[in-house]
Structure formats: structure tokens, C-alpha cells
Amino acid sequence: MSNNLYHLHRPSDRLGGHRDNVESNLSLPLVTISLGAPGIFLLGQESREGVPTAILLRAGDCMIMSGKSRGYFHGIPTILDPDDANNFDAAGATTNPFDPVFPELDEDGTLVNTSANDGIMTDETVCDDIPSLDDMRFVKAFLTTVRMNMSIRQV
């Protein structure tokens, strides 16, 4: 497994166009899971001359590169600010890229009043397995400033 971390305000934290061609068996898929700020993933073709397809990846998205696409050039040239109002879904509707990251929390970090919060620990509750409200606020704030990709290879 490999992890890539991209800081929103550090332009050097981008992944240029490349092919994964150093692995011993490229017939196996590459699975990547996105967390944090949305980013533009460019999926090219077998050569750099091919026009890439731009794909918006948001927190919680999973992509599998297998078969022919496993050898395509790809990269992440752009990380988007989560507050940017130009995050759209395929139908053109505005979306909140952090819906999958602690939907129990409002944008300001307050607990949303829904029945889905029955298992959420309050600040006074002590439990090793469930994050506290402060922990969730910290993680959500952190994930608004970075993008993380976890890639699983040789699966």
C-alpha cells in the first residue's frame, strides 16, 4: 500500500503524469481511495500524446485501474479548495465534498441533530473505539486542508 498526501496551499504537492511500470505484475489492479479535499485526477492513455480525461475525485471516492487502463499515464495536477462553490456532480448540481467525512458534523463543527447520531460520543464520553466530538472536529478540519490517496497495489 502507498499513500500520497497533497497540501491544498502547497503547489509542489501534486502528482505529475506518470505510469506505474515498476511493479512485477501489472495485470493486477490498482485500487485507490480518496480522502480530504477534492482533486482532479487525469487519466491519460498509453502515450503522453493522448488527451487525458479529467475526473473529479472527492472524499470517499474509490477508483480501480485495471486491464488496459493499468498502463495509462495518470496524475493529480490540481487540488480544489473545499469551500470552492464550483464543486459539481455529473448532473451539474453543487455538491458538498465532505458529506462522506463525518456527516454528523455541520460545517461549523456542531453536531447535527439527527437520529443517526445515537452512536456518537460526546466530549464527556470516554471510549477507545469511537472518536470523540473533538477528534471528529480535528480530523474534519485537517481534511479540509489536505488530500490523501491510499493506493493498494498487488491485490
Protein backbone atom coordinates (compact mmCIF):
# COMPACT_ATOMS: atom_id res chain seq x y z
CA MET A 1 0.00 0.00 0.00
CA SER A 2 1.19 3.53 -0.71
CA ASN A 3 -0.13 6.86 0.46
CA ASN A 4 0.05 10.26 -1.21
CA LEU A 5 -0.57 13.47 0.74
CA TYR A 6 -1.24 16.74 -1.05
CA HIS A 7 -1.47 20.05 0.85
CA LEU A 8 -4.05 22.42 -0.58
CA HIS A 9 -1.84 25.50 -0.49
CA ARG A 10 1.46 23.88 -1.49
CA PRO A 11 1.52 23.63 -5.31
CA SER A 12 4.58 21.38 -5.21
CA ASP A 13 2.35 18.68 -3.68
CA ARG A 14 0.98 17.38 -6.95
CA LEU A 15 1.46 14.16 -8.84
CA GLY A 16 2.66 14.68 -12.39
CA GLY A 17 1.70 12.43 -15.27
CA HIS A 18 3.32 9.03 -14.93
CA ARG A 19 2.78 5.32 -15.48
CA ASP A 20 3.12 2.71 -12.79
CA ASN A 21 5.53 0.39 -14.55
CA VAL A 22 7.96 -0.76 -11.86
CA GLU A 23 5.74 -3.41 -10.32
CA SER A 24 6.38 -7.05 -11.04
CA ASN A 25 2.82 -7.83 -12.18
CA LEU A 26 0.89 -5.06 -13.91
CA SER A 27 -2.00 -7.39 -14.68
CA LEU A 28 -3.22 -6.91 -11.11
CA PRO A 29 -5.48 -3.89 -10.40
CA LEU A 30 -4.58 -0.69 -8.59
CA VAL A 31 -7.21 0.42 -6.09
CA THR A 32 -7.13 3.97 -4.75
CA ILE A 33 -9.31 5.54 -2.05
CA SER A 34 -9.66 9.33 -1.75
CA LEU A 35 -9.90 11.28 1.49
CA GLY A 36 -9.92 15.00 2.19
CA ALA A 37 -10.05 17.86 -0.26
CA PRO A 38 -11.35 17.14 -3.77
CA GLY A 39 -8.86 16.83 -6.59
CA ILE A 40 -8.75 16.48 -10.33
CA PHE A 41 -7.42 13.10 -11.48
CA LEU A 42 -6.21 12.97 -15.07
CA LEU A 43 -6.40 9.59 -16.75
CA GLY A 44 -4.41 9.63 -19.95
CA GLN A 45 -3.73 6.94 -22.47
CA GLU A 46 -0.83 4.65 -23.34
CA SER A 47 1.31 7.58 -24.55
CA ARG A 48 1.72 11.16 -23.36
CA GLU A 49 0.25 12.38 -26.66
CA GLY A 50 -3.20 11.03 -25.76
CA VAL A 51 -5.71 13.55 -24.44
CA PRO A 52 -6.43 12.78 -20.77
CA THR A 53 -9.87 12.52 -19.21
CA ALA A 54 -10.39 14.74 -16.14
CA ILE A 55 -12.20 13.08 -13.23
CA LEU A 56 -13.28 14.89 -10.05
CA LEU A 57 -12.39 12.74 -7.03
CA ARG A 58 -13.98 13.65 -3.71
CA ALA A 59 -13.64 12.28 -0.20
CA GLY A 60 -14.87 8.71 -0.12
CA ASP A 61 -14.38 8.04 -3.84
CA CYS A 62 -12.70 4.81 -4.88
CA MET A 63 -11.10 4.15 -8.26
CA ILE A 64 -9.87 0.90 -9.72
CA MET A 65 -7.38 0.90 -12.57
CA SER A 66 -7.22 -2.50 -14.21
CA GLY A 67 -6.84 -4.05 -17.60
CA LYS A 68 -5.74 -1.62 -20.30
CA SER A 69 -6.05 1.48 -18.05
CA ARG A 70 -3.49 -0.02 -15.64
CA GLY A 71 -0.75 1.05 -18.06
CA TYR A 72 -2.16 4.51 -18.82
CA PHE A 73 -0.46 7.77 -17.85
CA HIS A 74 -2.21 9.41 -14.90
CA GLY A 75 -1.71 12.09 -12.28
CA ILE A 76 -3.26 14.63 -9.92
CA PRO A 77 -2.35 18.16 -11.06
CA THR A 78 -4.97 20.08 -9.09
CA ILE A 79 -6.30 20.08 -5.54
CA LEU A 80 -9.52 22.04 -5.04
CA ASP A 81 -10.46 24.19 -2.08
CA PRO A 82 -13.45 22.51 -0.38
CA ASP A 83 -15.06 25.94 0.07
CA ASP A 84 -14.99 26.48 -3.68
CA ALA A 85 -18.57 26.80 -4.89
CA ASN A 86 -17.60 25.19 -8.19
CA ASN A 87 -17.75 21.58 -7.00
CA PHE A 88 -20.37 19.95 -9.17
CA ASP A 89 -21.67 16.46 -9.62
CA ALA A 90 -22.25 14.82 -13.02
CA ALA A 91 -25.70 16.45 -13.30
CA GLY A 92 -24.27 19.93 -12.66
CA ALA A 93 -25.67 20.31 -9.14
CA THR A 94 -23.44 21.80 -6.46
CA THR A 95 -22.17 19.26 -4.00
CA ASN A 96 -20.56 19.24 -0.60
CA PRO A 97 -17.29 17.30 -0.98
CA PHE A 98 -17.24 16.47 2.73
CA ASP A 99 -20.56 14.66 3.00
CA PRO A 100 -18.75 11.31 3.49
CA VAL A 101 -16.45 12.73 6.19
CA PHE A 102 -18.38 12.86 9.45
CA PRO A 103 -21.79 13.86 8.08
CA GLU A 104 -22.81 14.11 11.74
CA LEU A 105 -20.99 17.45 11.90
CA ASP A 106 -22.28 20.71 10.50
CA GLU A 107 -19.85 22.94 8.55
CA ASP A 108 -19.05 24.84 11.75
CA GLY A 109 -18.27 21.62 13.66
CA THR A 110 -21.52 21.41 15.63
CA LEU A 111 -23.30 18.10 15.94
CA VAL A 112 -26.23 17.76 13.54
CA ASN A 113 -29.41 16.85 15.37
CA THR A 114 -30.45 13.57 13.73
CA SER A 115 -31.24 10.09 14.94
CA ALA A 116 -28.10 8.88 13.09
CA ASN A 117 -26.04 10.45 15.89
CA ASP A 118 -27.14 7.97 18.53
CA GLY A 119 -23.73 6.25 18.45
CA ILE A 120 -21.66 9.46 18.55
CA MET A 121 -19.66 10.07 21.68
CA THR A 122 -19.95 13.47 23.33
CA ASP A 123 -16.93 15.32 24.71
CA GLU A 124 -17.64 13.85 28.16
CA THR A 125 -17.80 10.23 26.98
CA VAL A 126 -14.67 8.07 27.19
CA CYS A 127 -14.31 5.23 24.69
CA ASP A 128 -11.21 3.97 22.91
CA ASP A 129 -13.02 2.73 19.81
CA ILE A 130 -15.27 5.67 18.92
CA PRO A 131 -13.86 9.15 18.21
CA SER A 132 -14.90 11.99 20.44
CA LEU A 133 -16.60 15.06 19.03
CA ASP A 134 -13.30 16.97 19.40
CA ASP A 135 -11.46 14.22 17.48
CA MET A 136 -14.01 14.37 14.67
CA ARG A 137 -13.74 18.17 14.53
CA PHE A 138 -9.94 17.95 14.33
CA VAL A 139 -9.97 15.33 11.56
CA LYS A 140 -12.59 17.21 9.55
CA ALA A 141 -10.59 20.47 9.84
CA PHE A 142 -7.40 18.64 8.81
CA LEU A 143 -9.09 17.04 5.81
CA THR A 144 -10.20 20.46 4.54
CA THR A 145 -6.55 21.41 4.01
CA VAL A 146 -5.13 18.19 2.54
CA ARG A 147 -5.96 15.47 0.07
CA MET A 148 -4.95 11.90 0.78
CA ASN A 149 -4.89 8.96 -1.58
CA MET A 150 -4.39 5.45 -0.30
CA SER A 151 -3.37 3.13 -3.12
CA ILE A 152 -3.49 -0.62 -2.78
CA ARG A 153 -1.29 -2.48 -5.22
CA GLN A 154 -0.79 -6.15 -5.98
CA VAL A 155 -4.26 -7.05 -4.68
